[in-house]
Amino acid sequence: MAFYRKNIGGLHQAVRVAFGIAVAIAAFVHLAGVAAWLVALGGAGFALTGLVGYCPMCAMAGIGRGGMS
């Protein structure tokens, strides 16, 4: 039983995961200290939305699965 309805499609999910991982890696390569960890956490959160298939911001904007896959 799911507590949410997926609102992003397969291609959108793959792009989010790849971009999130790239941002997290780039954060540790180009930044240092607390800034690197904060940017990496943001990238990890972005990748997590791709893994789960649900984006709260897309849901608030009314972007459904049919429109952006």
C-alpha atoms as a PDB file:
ATOM      1  CA  MET A   1       0.000   0.000   0.000  1.00  0.00           C
ATOM      2  CA  ALA A   2       1.503   3.294  -1.125  1.00  0.00           C
ATOM      3  CA  PHE A   3       1.049   6.492   0.854  1.00  0.00           C
ATOM      4  CA  TYR A   4       1.728   8.629  -2.205  1.00  0.00           C
ATOM      5  CA  ARG A   5       1.096   8.550  -5.928  1.00  0.00           C
ATOM      6  CA  LYS A   6       4.133   8.755  -8.196  1.00  0.00           C
ATOM      7  CA  ASN A   7       4.126  12.030 -10.049  1.00  0.00           C
ATOM      8  CA  ILE A   8       7.279  11.819 -12.171  1.00  0.00           C
ATOM      9  CA  GLY A   9       7.919   9.411 -15.009  1.00  0.00           C
ATOM     10  CA  GLY A  10      10.814   7.117 -15.800  1.00  0.00           C
ATOM     11  CA  LEU A  11      13.005   9.512 -17.802  1.00  0.00           C
ATOM     12  CA  HIS A  12      12.431  12.283 -15.282  1.00  0.00           C
ATOM     13  CA  GLN A  13      13.402   9.893 -12.473  1.00  0.00           C
ATOM     14  CA  ALA A  14      16.616   8.837 -14.222  1.00  0.00           C
ATOM     15  CA  VAL A  15      17.639  12.444 -14.863  1.00  0.00           C
ATOM     16  CA  ARG A  16      16.979  13.379 -11.234  1.00  0.00           C
ATOM     17  CA  VAL A  17      19.050  10.471  -9.911  1.00  0.00           C
ATOM     18  CA  ALA A  18      21.975  11.183 -12.262  1.00  0.00           C
ATOM     19  CA  PHE A  19      21.925  14.929 -11.594  1.00  0.00           C
ATOM     20  CA  GLY A  20      21.619  14.477  -7.838  1.00  0.00           C
ATOM     21  CA  ILE A  21      24.590  12.116  -7.705  1.00  0.00           C
ATOM     22  CA  ALA A  22      26.636  14.441  -9.927  1.00  0.00           C
ATOM     23  CA  VAL A  23      25.895  17.417  -7.671  1.00  0.00           C
ATOM     24  CA  ALA A  24      26.838  15.459  -4.559  1.00  0.00           C
ATOM     25  CA  ILE A  25      30.151  14.361  -6.078  1.00  0.00           C
ATOM     26  CA  ALA A  26      30.904  17.846  -7.426  1.00  0.00           C
ATOM     27  CA  ALA A  27      30.244  19.326  -3.995  1.00  0.00           C
ATOM     28  CA  PHE A  28      33.050  17.324  -2.417  1.00  0.00           C
ATOM     29  CA  VAL A  29      35.399  17.931  -5.345  1.00  0.00           C
ATOM     30  CA  HIS A  30      34.935  21.694  -5.578  1.00  0.00           C
ATOM     31  CA  LEU A  31      33.850  22.767  -2.099  1.00  0.00           C
ATOM     32  CA  ALA A  32      35.129  22.204   1.402  1.00  0.00           C
ATOM     33  CA  GLY A  33      33.744  21.995   4.904  1.00  0.00           C
ATOM     34  CA  VAL A  34      30.142  22.651   5.785  1.00  0.00           C
ATOM     35  CA  ALA A  35      29.300  24.059   2.336  1.00  0.00           C
ATOM     36  CA  ALA A  36      30.279  20.775   0.692  1.00  0.00           C
ATOM     37  CA  TRP A  37      28.063  18.801   3.048  1.00  0.00           C
ATOM     38  CA  LEU A  38      25.075  21.110   2.563  1.00  0.00           C
ATOM     39  CA  VAL A  39      25.282  21.024  -1.229  1.00  0.00           C
ATOM     40  CA  ALA A  40      25.832  17.255  -1.173  1.00  0.00           C
ATOM     41  CA  LEU A  41      22.736  16.828   1.020  1.00  0.00           C
ATOM     42  CA  GLY A  42      20.742  18.852  -1.493  1.00  0.00           C
ATOM     43  CA  GLY A  43      21.983  16.631  -4.315  1.00  0.00           C
ATOM     44  CA  ALA A  44      21.172  13.512  -2.316  1.00  0.00           C
ATOM     45  CA  GLY A  45      17.656  14.800  -1.664  1.00  0.00           C
ATOM     46  CA  PHE A  46      17.190  15.469  -5.365  1.00  0.00           C
ATOM     47  CA  ALA A  47      18.383  11.942  -6.191  1.00  0.00           C
ATOM     48  CA  LEU A  48      16.068  10.509  -3.545  1.00  0.00           C
ATOM     49  CA  THR A  49      13.036  12.089  -5.188  1.00  0.00           C
ATOM     50  CA  GLY A  50      14.076  10.351  -8.393  1.00  0.00           C
ATOM     51  CA  LEU A  51      14.480   6.999  -6.684  1.00  0.00           C
ATOM     52  CA  VAL A  52      11.095   7.238  -4.993  1.00  0.00           C
ATOM     53  CA  GLY A  53       9.287   8.705  -7.998  1.00  0.00           C
ATOM     54  CA  TYR A  54       7.554  11.449  -6.041  1.00  0.00           C
ATOM     55  CA  CYS A  55       8.485  15.112  -5.953  1.00  0.00           C
ATOM     56  CA  PRO A  56       6.619  17.327  -3.469  1.00  0.00           C
ATOM     57  CA  MET A  57       7.423  20.498  -5.426  1.00  0.00           C
ATOM     58  CA  CYS A  58       6.068  18.976  -8.656  1.00  0.00           C
ATOM     59  CA  ALA A  59       2.924  17.993  -6.763  1.00  0.00           C
ATOM     60  CA  MET A  60       2.440  21.559  -5.482  1.00  0.00           C
ATOM     61  CA  ALA A  61       2.993  22.953  -8.986  1.00  0.00           C
ATOM     62  CA  GLY A  62       0.445  20.522 -10.412  1.00  0.00           C
ATOM     63  CA  ILE A  63       2.942  18.676 -12.575  1.00  0.00           C
ATOM     64  CA  GLY A  64       1.633  15.146 -12.922  1.00  0.00           C
ATOM     65  CA  ARG A  65       3.093  11.960 -14.257  1.00  0.00           C
ATOM     66  CA  GLY A  66       1.423  12.355 -17.643  1.00  0.00           C
ATOM     67  CA  GLY A  67       3.008  15.691 -18.433  1.00  0.00           C
ATOM     68  CA  MET A  68       6.700  15.118 -17.788  1.00  0.00           C
ATOM     69  CA  SER A  69       7.886  11.592 -18.412  1.00  0.00           C
END
